Amino acid sequence: MRAISLAALTLALAACAPGPSADISDRKASYGEPLPAMRSFTTASSTPSVRSNRQLAGDFLELTFELESGREIPRLTRFDGEITLELRGAAPQTVRRDLDRLIARLKREAGLPVRLAQPGETASIVVEVLPRKDLQRAVPQAACFVVPRVRGWDEFRKARRSDKVDWTTLQSREVASVFLPGDVSPQEARDCLHEEIAQALGPLNDLYRLPDSVFNDDNFHTVLTGFDMLMLRVTYDRALANGMGREQVAAALPGILARLNPRGERSGPPPSPPTPHIWVEAIENALGPRGTPGYRRAQARRAVDLARSAGWNDTRMAFSLYAYGRLTLNTAPDQALAAFVDASNIYTSLPDTQIQAAHVAMQLGAFSLSAGEANGTLRLVESNLPAVRQAENAALLSTLLMMRAEALELLGRSAEARTQRNEALGWARYGFGSDTLVRDRASEIAALAPVRTGL
């Protein structure tokens, strides 16, 4: 289940910036003009996980034999034979294109025998596109979700409160349905495709400690990574079979990983200890929709304190700081800045958290741009663009490019700024969706820039 995105690209610094100059007001007015064509990603590239096979074995077991709720899954389950997918509902063309790209990657990177079902053919996985309000009426906290043993929305509605859709009762996987919204941005729909189809095929858990995976409720990764493809490849390895228990799988994993991931055959630290529920609860309270702003800030502070008490210096510590920074932007910008700097220091020190560092860099770039530090803003943006492009995060990419455009304007490089702004708006159409949201984001970034003097 993919959690509803909780403003991962929050920008709340406009109030800290000086009033807009005439040239900024002119640029904001120009956003009412026709937007450029939507940009989209074409070639995908993922990098292998840097962790040792010993760590990866622990990750696989925790992902495969536990649900997000903490319930134990008694046996390994997977599809046998060819896996077919059927797309139903009013799917935008971008969803169809992104599904084709995902299928190609699953074949190439995970070695799965997956394809689109032919008309009239009974599919293994039904992907049904519905209005967002219908999905949230059924599962309020989910942007999209996957369930076993049903073939489409009508069957799900009849079975939703029965054991039929309980993953722990499966002996094998024969059919599953993925439900995703069609009235969201192309990027959000694509993100749902990746995570929910991956869970229909393989691991069902999400782990906050994973730095390079969509199987993580922090939502930093939005498309399947090299780690995720390896987990799927392991799930369908010939040495495993439906019905195997945790101990059986654990005994087989060293040989499987040595064969599939020889680069991981080296010494390394043991798997990270499980994340205590008390920290997960604090993070979810902080980033969830319920509670006053003060309560949510207090819960983010609690998450930071719990992470420090646990002695963490990993993604969980950095994510706690990032969440705290986001929630204190309006009330205590100095504290938010300090939290973002500390989070950045952790993320940039780790070998597999480049996209997380880029999210923090976006927040730091907003501070830098508001202060009129054009060159500093450019350095922050340019050092993080490669990771963002590789992660295929169009929303974040467009925001960083808008910041770059404003920084170039501050330096008097208006022609370059126009080129950057045009590219940013093309990516924003994929990342944010509606023209209104695209223009709102562009206006927010323009409002960060200070008044230029002496021109």
Protein backbone atom coordinates (compact mmCIF):
# COMPACT_ATOMS: atom_id res chain seq x y z
CA MET A 1 0.00 0.00 0.00
CA ARG A 2 1.43 3.36 -0.99
CA ALA A 3 0.72 6.00 1.63
CA ILE A 4 -0.81 9.28 0.58
CA SER A 5 1.98 11.70 -0.31
CA LEU A 6 2.38 14.15 2.54
CA ALA A 7 3.71 17.21 0.72
CA ALA A 8 7.17 15.75 0.25
CA LEU A 9 8.03 18.87 -1.71
CA THR A 10 6.85 21.30 0.95
CA LEU A 11 8.06 24.85 0.52
CA ALA A 12 6.97 27.30 3.19
CA LEU A 13 9.64 29.95 2.95
CA ALA A 14 7.86 32.48 0.77
CA ALA A 15 6.84 34.42 3.85
CA CYS A 16 10.52 34.82 4.80
CA ALA A 17 11.48 36.29 1.42
CA PRO A 18 11.36 40.00 0.56
CA GLY A 19 8.44 41.26 -1.48
CA PRO A 20 8.69 40.39 -5.18
CA SER A 21 10.30 42.86 -7.52
CA ALA A 22 8.63 43.93 -10.74
CA ASP A 23 10.55 41.41 -12.84
CA ILE A 24 9.43 38.58 -10.54
CA SER A 25 5.83 39.77 -10.74
CA ASP A 26 6.12 39.82 -14.51
CA ARG A 27 7.43 36.24 -14.56
CA LYS A 28 4.60 35.08 -12.30
CA ALA A 29 2.08 36.73 -14.61
CA SER A 30 3.64 34.95 -17.59
CA TYR A 31 2.71 31.57 -16.10
CA GLY A 32 -0.80 32.23 -17.36
CA GLU A 33 0.48 31.70 -20.90
CA PRO A 34 0.30 28.24 -22.52
CA LEU A 35 2.68 25.81 -20.84
CA PRO A 36 5.32 23.86 -22.76
CA ALA A 37 4.73 20.23 -23.70
CA MET A 38 4.93 17.65 -20.93
CA ARG A 39 8.33 16.04 -20.59
CA SER A 40 8.71 12.37 -19.73
CA PHE A 41 11.47 9.94 -18.92
CA THR A 42 12.57 7.47 -21.56
CA THR A 43 15.59 5.37 -20.64
CA ALA A 44 15.73 3.92 -17.13
CA SER A 45 18.93 3.20 -15.26
CA SER A 46 19.24 1.66 -11.81
CA THR A 47 22.34 1.01 -9.76
CA PRO A 48 23.00 -2.15 -7.75
CA SER A 49 22.67 -2.06 -3.99
CA VAL A 50 25.94 -1.35 -2.19
CA ARG A 51 25.10 -3.50 0.82
CA SER A 52 26.62 -6.91 1.47
CA ASN A 53 24.73 -10.11 0.78
CA ARG A 54 24.53 -10.71 4.50
CA GLN A 55 22.60 -7.48 4.89
CA LEU A 56 20.50 -8.17 1.81
CA ALA A 57 19.49 -11.58 3.17
CA GLY A 58 18.20 -9.93 6.33
CA ASP A 59 16.32 -7.35 4.26
CA PHE A 60 14.69 -10.05 2.13
CA LEU A 61 13.50 -12.06 5.12
CA GLU A 62 11.98 -9.04 6.85
CA LEU A 63 10.33 -7.81 3.66
CA THR A 64 8.93 -11.23 2.76
CA PHE A 65 7.80 -12.70 6.06
CA GLU A 66 6.21 -9.67 7.73
CA LEU A 67 3.41 -7.27 6.85
CA GLU A 68 3.58 -3.53 7.48
CA SER A 69 1.30 -4.08 10.47
CA GLY A 70 3.90 -6.38 12.03
CA ARG A 71 1.87 -9.56 11.43
CA GLU A 72 3.93 -12.57 10.48
CA ILE A 73 3.59 -14.14 7.03
CA PRO A 74 3.99 -17.90 7.52
CA ARG A 75 5.19 -18.88 4.06
CA LEU A 76 6.74 -17.60 0.84
CA THR A 77 4.23 -17.07 -1.95
CA ARG A 78 4.69 -16.07 -5.57
CA PHE A 79 3.17 -16.59 -8.99
CA ASP A 80 4.05 -19.73 -10.91
CA GLY A 81 4.67 -19.58 -14.65
CA GLU A 82 3.95 -16.64 -16.92
CA ILE A 83 2.56 -13.51 -15.26
CA THR A 84 0.06 -11.43 -17.24
CA LEU A 85 -1.26 -7.95 -16.49
CA GLU A 86 -4.56 -6.37 -17.54
CA LEU A 87 -5.20 -2.60 -17.42
CA ARG A 88 -8.80 -1.59 -16.70
CA GLY A 89 -10.66 1.67 -16.28
CA ALA A 90 -10.15 5.16 -17.65
CA ALA A 91 -6.37 5.01 -17.72
CA PRO A 92 -4.62 8.12 -19.09
CA GLN A 93 -2.15 7.54 -21.89
CA THR A 94 0.71 8.29 -19.50
CA VAL A 95 -0.34 5.33 -17.32
CA ARG A 96 -0.35 3.00 -20.32
CA ARG A 97 3.08 4.20 -21.39
CA ASP A 98 4.52 3.92 -17.88
CA LEU A 99 3.09 0.42 -17.48
CA ASP A 100 4.81 -0.63 -20.71
CA ARG A 101 8.11 0.80 -19.39
CA LEU A 102 7.68 -0.99 -16.07
CA ILE A 103 6.99 -4.35 -17.74
CA ALA A 104 10.11 -3.93 -19.86
CA ARG A 105 12.19 -3.25 -16.75
CA LEU A 106 10.73 -6.23 -14.87
CA LYS A 107 11.72 -8.48 -17.75
CA ARG A 108 15.18 -7.01 -18.17
CA GLU A 109 16.26 -6.34 -14.59
CA ALA A 110 14.30 -8.87 -12.52
CA GLY A 111 14.12 -11.61 -15.16
CA LEU A 112 10.37 -12.05 -14.68
CA PRO A 113 8.15 -13.70 -17.33
CA VAL A 114 5.68 -10.82 -17.33
CA ARG A 115 3.61 -9.36 -20.18
CA LEU A 116 0.34 -7.61 -20.94
CA ALA A 117 -2.63 -9.96 -21.24
CA GLN A 118 -4.27 -10.36 -24.63
CA PRO A 119 -7.93 -9.27 -25.01
CA GLY A 120 -10.17 -11.90 -23.45
CA GLU A 121 -7.27 -13.55 -21.59
CA THR A 122 -7.57 -14.05 -17.84
CA ALA A 123 -4.82 -11.94 -16.25
CA SER A 124 -2.70 -12.73 -13.22
CA ILE A 125 -2.71 -9.10 -12.05
CA VAL A 126 -5.54 -6.67 -12.75
CA VAL A 127 -4.55 -2.99 -12.66
CA GLU A 128 -7.71 -0.92 -12.32
CA VAL A 129 -7.80 2.87 -12.56
CA LEU A 130 -10.49 4.60 -10.49
CA PRO A 131 -11.38 8.07 -9.17
CA ARG A 132 -9.28 8.96 -6.14
CA LYS A 133 -12.37 9.59 -3.99
CA ASP A 134 -13.52 5.99 -4.51
CA LEU A 135 -10.16 4.60 -3.41
CA GLN A 136 -9.96 6.78 -0.32
CA ARG A 137 -13.52 5.96 0.65
CA ALA A 138 -12.45 2.31 0.82
CA VAL A 139 -8.95 2.78 2.29
CA PRO A 140 -8.64 6.36 3.60
CA GLN A 141 -4.89 6.42 4.26
CA ALA A 142 -3.85 4.91 0.93
CA ALA A 143 -3.07 6.64 -2.33
CA CYS A 144 -3.26 3.20 -3.98
CA PHE A 145 -3.15 -0.42 -2.84
CA VAL A 146 -2.99 -4.08 -3.86
CA VAL A 147 -5.08 -7.03 -2.67
CA PRO A 148 -4.91 -10.78 -3.37
CA ARG A 149 -7.52 -13.20 -4.69
CA VAL A 150 -9.81 -10.66 -6.34
CA ARG A 151 -10.17 -9.71 -9.97
CA GLY A 152 -11.08 -6.04 -10.06
CA TRP A 153 -12.93 -3.45 -7.97
CA ASP A 154 -16.33 -5.14 -7.83
CA GLU A 155 -14.86 -8.35 -6.41
CA PHE A 156 -12.80 -6.35 -3.92
CA ARG A 157 -15.83 -4.47 -2.61
CA LYS A 158 -17.60 -7.75 -1.93
CA ALA A 159 -14.59 -9.39 -0.25
CA ARG A 160 -12.87 -6.42 1.46
CA ARG A 161 -13.78 -7.44 5.02
CA SER A 162 -13.19 -11.18 4.57
CA ASP A 163 -10.20 -13.50 4.91
CA LYS A 164 -10.19 -13.79 1.12
CA VAL A 165 -8.00 -10.65 0.91
CA ASP A 166 -5.72 -11.63 3.81
CA TRP A 167 -2.16 -12.10 2.48
CA THR A 168 -1.20 -14.35 5.42
CA THR A 169 -3.66 -17.06 4.31
CA LEU A 170 -2.20 -17.50 0.82
CA GLN A 171 -0.57 -20.75 -0.23
CA SER A 172 0.50 -19.29 -3.58
CA ARG A 173 -0.35 -16.26 -5.71
CA GLU A 174 -2.81 -16.85 -8.49
CA VAL A 175 -4.51 -13.48 -8.93
CA ALA A 176 -4.17 -10.00 -7.44
CA SER A 177 -5.58 -6.56 -8.14
CA VAL A 178 -3.88 -3.19 -8.02
CA PHE A 179 -6.07 -0.11 -7.58
CA LEU A 180 -4.74 3.33 -8.42
CA PRO A 181 -6.23 6.78 -9.03
CA GLY A 182 -6.57 8.15 -12.53
CA ASP A 183 -7.24 11.77 -11.53
CA VAL A 184 -3.77 12.52 -10.14
CA SER A 185 -0.51 13.66 -11.67
CA PRO A 186 1.19 11.28 -14.12
CA GLN A 187 4.04 10.87 -11.65
CA GLU A 188 1.77 9.89 -8.76
CA ALA A 189 0.00 7.29 -10.91
CA ARG A 190 3.35 5.91 -12.09
CA ASP A 191 4.64 5.71 -8.53
CA CYS A 192 1.58 3.65 -7.62
CA LEU A 193 2.20 1.32 -10.56
CA HIS A 194 5.75 0.63 -9.43
CA GLU A 195 5.16 0.00 -5.74
CA GLU A 196 1.85 -1.87 -5.95
CA ILE A 197 2.81 -4.13 -8.86
CA ALA A 198 6.08 -4.90 -7.07
CA GLN A 199 4.11 -5.91 -3.97
CA ALA A 200 1.66 -7.93 -6.04
CA LEU A 201 4.68 -9.86 -7.33
CA GLY A 202 6.85 -10.09 -4.24
CA PRO A 203 7.64 -8.45 -0.88
CA LEU A 204 4.68 -7.08 1.06
CA ASN A 205 6.41 -5.12 3.82
CA ASP A 206 7.78 -1.57 4.01
CA LEU A 207 10.88 -0.78 6.07
CA TYR A 208 11.92 2.73 7.07
CA ARG A 209 15.54 1.63 7.43
CA LEU A 210 15.98 0.77 3.73
CA PRO A 211 17.91 3.55 1.97
CA ASP A 212 17.44 2.48 -1.65
CA SER A 213 13.98 1.01 -2.07
CA VAL A 214 10.35 1.80 -2.83
CA PHE A 215 9.56 -0.65 -0.01
CA ASN A 216 9.89 2.26 2.41
CA ASP A 217 7.12 4.52 3.65
CA ASP A 218 9.33 7.61 3.49
CA ASN A 219 8.37 7.86 -0.22
CA PHE A 220 11.78 9.17 -1.30
CA HIS A 221 12.14 6.51 -3.99
CA THR A 222 9.29 6.54 -6.46
CA VAL A 223 10.36 3.99 -9.08
CA LEU A 224 11.81 0.52 -8.58
CA THR A 225 15.51 0.56 -7.73
CA GLY A 226 18.32 -1.91 -8.30
CA PHE A 227 17.71 -3.23 -4.78
CA ASP A 228 14.01 -3.76 -5.52
CA MET A 229 14.73 -5.62 -8.74
CA LEU A 230 17.16 -7.88 -6.90
CA MET A 231 14.52 -8.65 -4.24
CA LEU A 232 12.09 -9.65 -7.01
CA ARG A 233 14.74 -11.73 -8.76
CA VAL A 234 15.44 -13.56 -5.48
CA THR A 235 11.70 -14.14 -4.91
CA TYR A 236 11.44 -15.99 -8.23
CA ASP A 237 14.75 -17.81 -8.05
CA ARG A 238 14.65 -21.51 -8.92
CA ALA A 239 15.96 -22.42 -5.44
CA LEU A 240 12.77 -21.12 -3.80
CA ALA A 241 9.19 -22.35 -4.05
CA ASN A 242 5.71 -21.59 -2.83
CA GLY A 243 5.12 -22.70 0.74
CA MET A 244 8.69 -22.47 2.02
CA GLY A 245 8.97 -21.16 5.56
CA ARG A 246 11.29 -18.47 6.87
CA GLU A 247 14.00 -20.87 8.04
CA GLN A 248 14.00 -22.74 4.73
CA VAL A 249 14.34 -19.51 2.78
CA ALA A 250 17.03 -18.22 5.13
CA ALA A 251 19.08 -21.38 4.50
CA ALA A 252 18.81 -20.93 0.72
CA LEU A 253 19.54 -17.20 0.57
CA PRO A 254 23.36 -17.27 0.85
CA GLY A 255 23.67 -19.46 -2.25
CA ILE A 256 21.04 -17.49 -4.18
CA LEU A 257 22.61 -14.11 -3.42
CA ALA A 258 26.12 -15.37 -4.17
CA ARG A 259 24.91 -16.38 -7.61
CA LEU A 260 22.74 -13.34 -8.36
CA ASN A 261 24.82 -10.66 -6.66
CA PRO A 262 28.49 -11.70 -6.58
CA ARG A 263 29.57 -8.15 -5.79
CA GLY A 264 27.83 -8.54 -2.42
CA GLU A 265 30.08 -11.44 -1.39
CA ARG A 266 32.18 -9.42 1.04
CA SER A 267 32.28 -8.73 4.72
CA GLY A 268 29.88 -6.16 6.00
CA PRO A 269 27.91 -5.14 9.05
CA PRO A 270 24.99 -7.28 10.17
CA PRO A 271 21.46 -6.27 9.13
CA SER A 272 20.17 -3.17 10.90
CA PRO A 273 18.08 -3.87 13.99
CA PRO A 274 14.31 -3.68 13.51
CA THR A 275 12.70 -0.28 13.79
CA PRO A 276 10.75 -0.04 17.07
CA HIS A 277 7.06 0.66 16.74
CA ILE A 278 7.29 3.68 19.04
CA TRP A 279 9.46 5.51 16.48
CA VAL A 280 7.20 4.52 13.56
CA GLU A 281 4.22 5.78 15.52
CA ALA A 282 5.91 9.14 16.16
CA ILE A 283 6.82 9.57 12.47
CA GLU A 284 3.34 8.61 11.28
CA ASN A 285 1.73 10.97 13.79
CA ALA A 286 4.04 13.76 12.65
CA LEU A 287 3.38 13.30 8.94
CA GLY A 288 -0.21 12.08 9.08
CA PRO A 289 -3.31 14.18 8.44
CA ARG A 290 -4.59 14.18 12.01
CA GLY A 291 -3.68 16.43 14.91
CA THR A 292 -2.89 20.11 15.30
CA PRO A 293 0.31 21.58 13.82
CA GLY A 294 1.73 21.81 17.34
CA TYR A 295 1.01 18.15 18.02
CA ARG A 296 2.62 17.09 14.77
CA ARG A 297 5.73 19.17 15.49
CA ALA A 298 5.96 17.57 18.92
CA GLN A 299 5.72 14.11 17.38
CA ALA A 300 8.50 14.95 14.91
CA ARG A 301 10.64 16.17 17.82
CA ARG A 302 9.85 12.91 19.60
CA ALA A 303 11.02 10.93 16.56
CA VAL A 304 14.30 12.86 16.55
CA ASP A 305 14.80 12.19 20.27
CA LEU A 306 14.00 8.49 19.89
CA ALA A 307 16.43 8.15 16.99
CA ARG A 308 19.17 9.84 19.00
CA SER A 309 18.47 7.66 22.02
CA ALA A 310 18.77 4.57 19.81
CA GLY A 311 22.18 5.75 18.61
CA TRP A 312 21.12 5.80 14.97
CA ASN A 313 23.15 7.68 12.39
CA ASP A 314 21.34 6.24 9.40
CA THR A 315 18.36 7.03 7.19
CA ARG A 316 15.97 6.87 10.15
CA MET A 317 17.86 9.59 12.03
CA ALA A 318 18.08 11.74 8.91
CA PHE A 319 14.40 11.23 8.09
CA SER A 320 13.43 12.26 11.62
CA LEU A 321 15.40 15.48 11.17
CA TYR A 322 13.91 16.06 7.72
CA ALA A 323 10.37 15.63 9.04
CA TYR A 324 11.09 17.97 11.95
CA GLY A 325 12.53 20.57 9.59
CA ARG A 326 9.48 20.47 7.33
CA LEU A 327 7.09 20.90 10.23
CA THR A 328 8.97 23.84 11.80
CA LEU A 329 9.51 25.90 8.63
CA ASN A 330 6.73 28.36 9.41
CA THR A 331 7.17 28.61 13.16
CA ALA A 332 10.93 28.30 13.72
CA PRO A 333 12.88 28.64 10.46
CA ASP A 334 16.23 28.69 12.28
CA GLN A 335 15.45 25.31 13.86
CA ALA A 336 14.22 23.99 10.51
CA LEU A 337 17.44 25.07 8.81
CA ALA A 338 19.55 23.38 11.51
CA ALA A 339 17.53 20.17 11.13
CA PHE A 340 17.94 20.21 7.35
CA VAL A 341 21.69 20.75 7.65
CA ASP A 342 22.01 17.82 10.06
CA ALA A 343 19.88 15.62 7.80
CA SER A 344 21.98 16.63 4.79
CA ASN A 345 25.19 15.75 6.61
CA ILE A 346 23.89 12.23 7.29
CA TYR A 347 22.47 11.62 3.83
CA THR A 348 25.57 12.88 2.03
CA SER A 349 27.79 10.67 4.20
CA LEU A 350 25.99 7.47 3.18
CA PRO A 351 26.68 5.65 -0.11
CA ASP A 352 23.09 5.06 -1.22
CA THR A 353 21.01 8.07 -0.19
CA GLN A 354 21.55 10.48 -3.06
CA ILE A 355 17.85 11.07 -3.72
CA GLN A 356 17.21 11.73 -0.04
CA ALA A 357 20.05 14.26 -0.05
CA ALA A 358 18.46 15.92 -3.08
CA HIS A 359 15.16 16.36 -1.24
CA VAL A 360 16.99 18.07 1.61
CA ALA A 361 18.98 20.14 -0.89
CA MET A 362 15.70 21.47 -2.27
CA GLN A 363 14.81 22.76 1.20
CA LEU A 364 18.28 24.21 1.70
CA GLY A 365 18.09 25.77 -1.75
CA ALA A 366 14.92 27.61 -0.72
CA PHE A 367 16.82 29.16 2.21
CA SER A 368 19.75 30.00 -0.04
CA LEU A 369 17.57 31.57 -2.73
CA SER A 370 15.63 33.60 -0.16
CA ALA A 371 18.92 34.99 1.12
CA GLY A 372 19.95 36.03 -2.38
CA GLU A 373 22.80 33.51 -2.46
CA ALA A 374 22.59 32.83 -6.19
CA ASN A 375 25.88 30.96 -6.56
CA GLY A 376 25.19 28.84 -3.49
CA THR A 377 21.77 27.95 -4.86
CA LEU A 378 23.29 26.95 -8.18
CA ARG A 379 25.85 24.71 -6.47
CA LEU A 380 23.15 22.97 -4.42
CA VAL A 381 20.95 22.41 -7.45
CA GLU A 382 23.62 21.29 -9.89
CA SER A 383 25.22 18.79 -7.52
CA ASN A 384 21.87 17.04 -6.99
CA LEU A 385 20.35 17.02 -10.48
CA PRO A 386 21.99 13.75 -11.64
CA ALA A 387 20.49 11.78 -8.74
CA VAL A 388 17.07 13.31 -9.31
CA ARG A 389 17.09 12.51 -13.02
CA GLN A 390 18.16 8.92 -12.32
CA ALA A 391 15.40 8.55 -9.73
CA GLU A 392 12.89 9.88 -12.31
CA ASN A 393 11.34 12.33 -9.88
CA ALA A 394 9.88 14.97 -12.19
CA ALA A 395 8.27 16.98 -9.39
CA LEU A 396 11.57 17.41 -7.57
CA LEU A 397 13.46 17.92 -10.82
CA SER A 398 11.14 20.71 -11.91
CA THR A 399 11.40 22.42 -8.52
CA LEU A 400 15.20 22.37 -8.58
CA LEU A 401 15.25 23.68 -12.15
CA MET A 402 12.92 26.52 -11.15
CA MET A 403 15.32 27.40 -8.36
CA ARG A 404 18.18 27.33 -10.82
CA ALA A 405 16.26 29.69 -13.11
CA GLU A 406 15.65 32.17 -10.28
CA ALA A 407 19.32 32.03 -9.26
CA LEU A 408 20.35 32.74 -12.84
CA GLU A 409 17.98 35.72 -12.88
CA LEU A 410 19.70 37.08 -9.77
CA LEU A 411 23.00 36.87 -11.64
CA GLY A 412 21.54 38.70 -14.63
CA ARG A 413 21.65 35.65 -16.89
CA SER A 414 18.05 36.02 -18.08
CA ALA A 415 18.33 34.07 -21.35
CA GLU A 416 19.68 31.01 -19.53
CA ALA A 417 16.99 31.44 -16.89
CA ARG A 418 14.22 31.36 -19.52
CA THR A 419 15.61 28.12 -20.96
CA GLN A 420 15.75 26.53 -17.50
CA ARG A 421 12.26 27.73 -16.63
CA ASN A 422 10.82 26.28 -19.81
CA GLU A 423 12.38 22.88 -19.09
CA ALA A 424 11.19 23.05 -15.49
CA LEU A 425 7.59 23.70 -16.55
CA GLY A 426 7.69 20.71 -18.92
CA TRP A 427 8.79 18.42 -16.10
CA ALA A 428 6.27 20.03 -13.73
CA ARG A 429 3.42 18.98 -16.03
CA TYR A 430 4.40 15.33 -15.45
CA GLY A 431 5.28 15.79 -11.78
CA PHE A 432 2.38 17.96 -10.57
CA GLY A 433 -0.29 17.29 -13.18
CA SER A 434 -2.78 20.10 -13.53
CA ASP A 435 -1.80 23.40 -15.10
CA THR A 436 -2.97 25.17 -11.95
CA LEU A 437 -0.62 23.19 -9.72
CA VAL A 438 2.24 23.73 -12.15
CA ARG A 439 1.73 27.49 -12.15
CA ASP A 440 1.31 27.56 -8.36
CA ARG A 441 4.64 25.81 -7.88
CA ALA A 442 6.40 28.15 -10.31
CA SER A 443 4.94 31.16 -8.51
CA GLU A 444 6.06 29.83 -5.12
CA ILE A 445 9.64 29.51 -6.32
CA ALA A 446 9.62 32.96 -7.95
CA ALA A 447 8.35 34.43 -4.68
CA LEU A 448 11.42 33.12 -2.86
CA ALA A 449 13.81 35.30 -4.85
CA PRO A 450 14.70 38.66 -3.28
CA VAL A 451 14.39 42.01 -4.97
CA ARG A 452 17.28 42.68 -7.32
CA THR A 453 18.96 46.05 -6.83
CA GLY A 454 21.41 48.04 -8.87
CA LEU A 455 20.04 46.79 -12.22
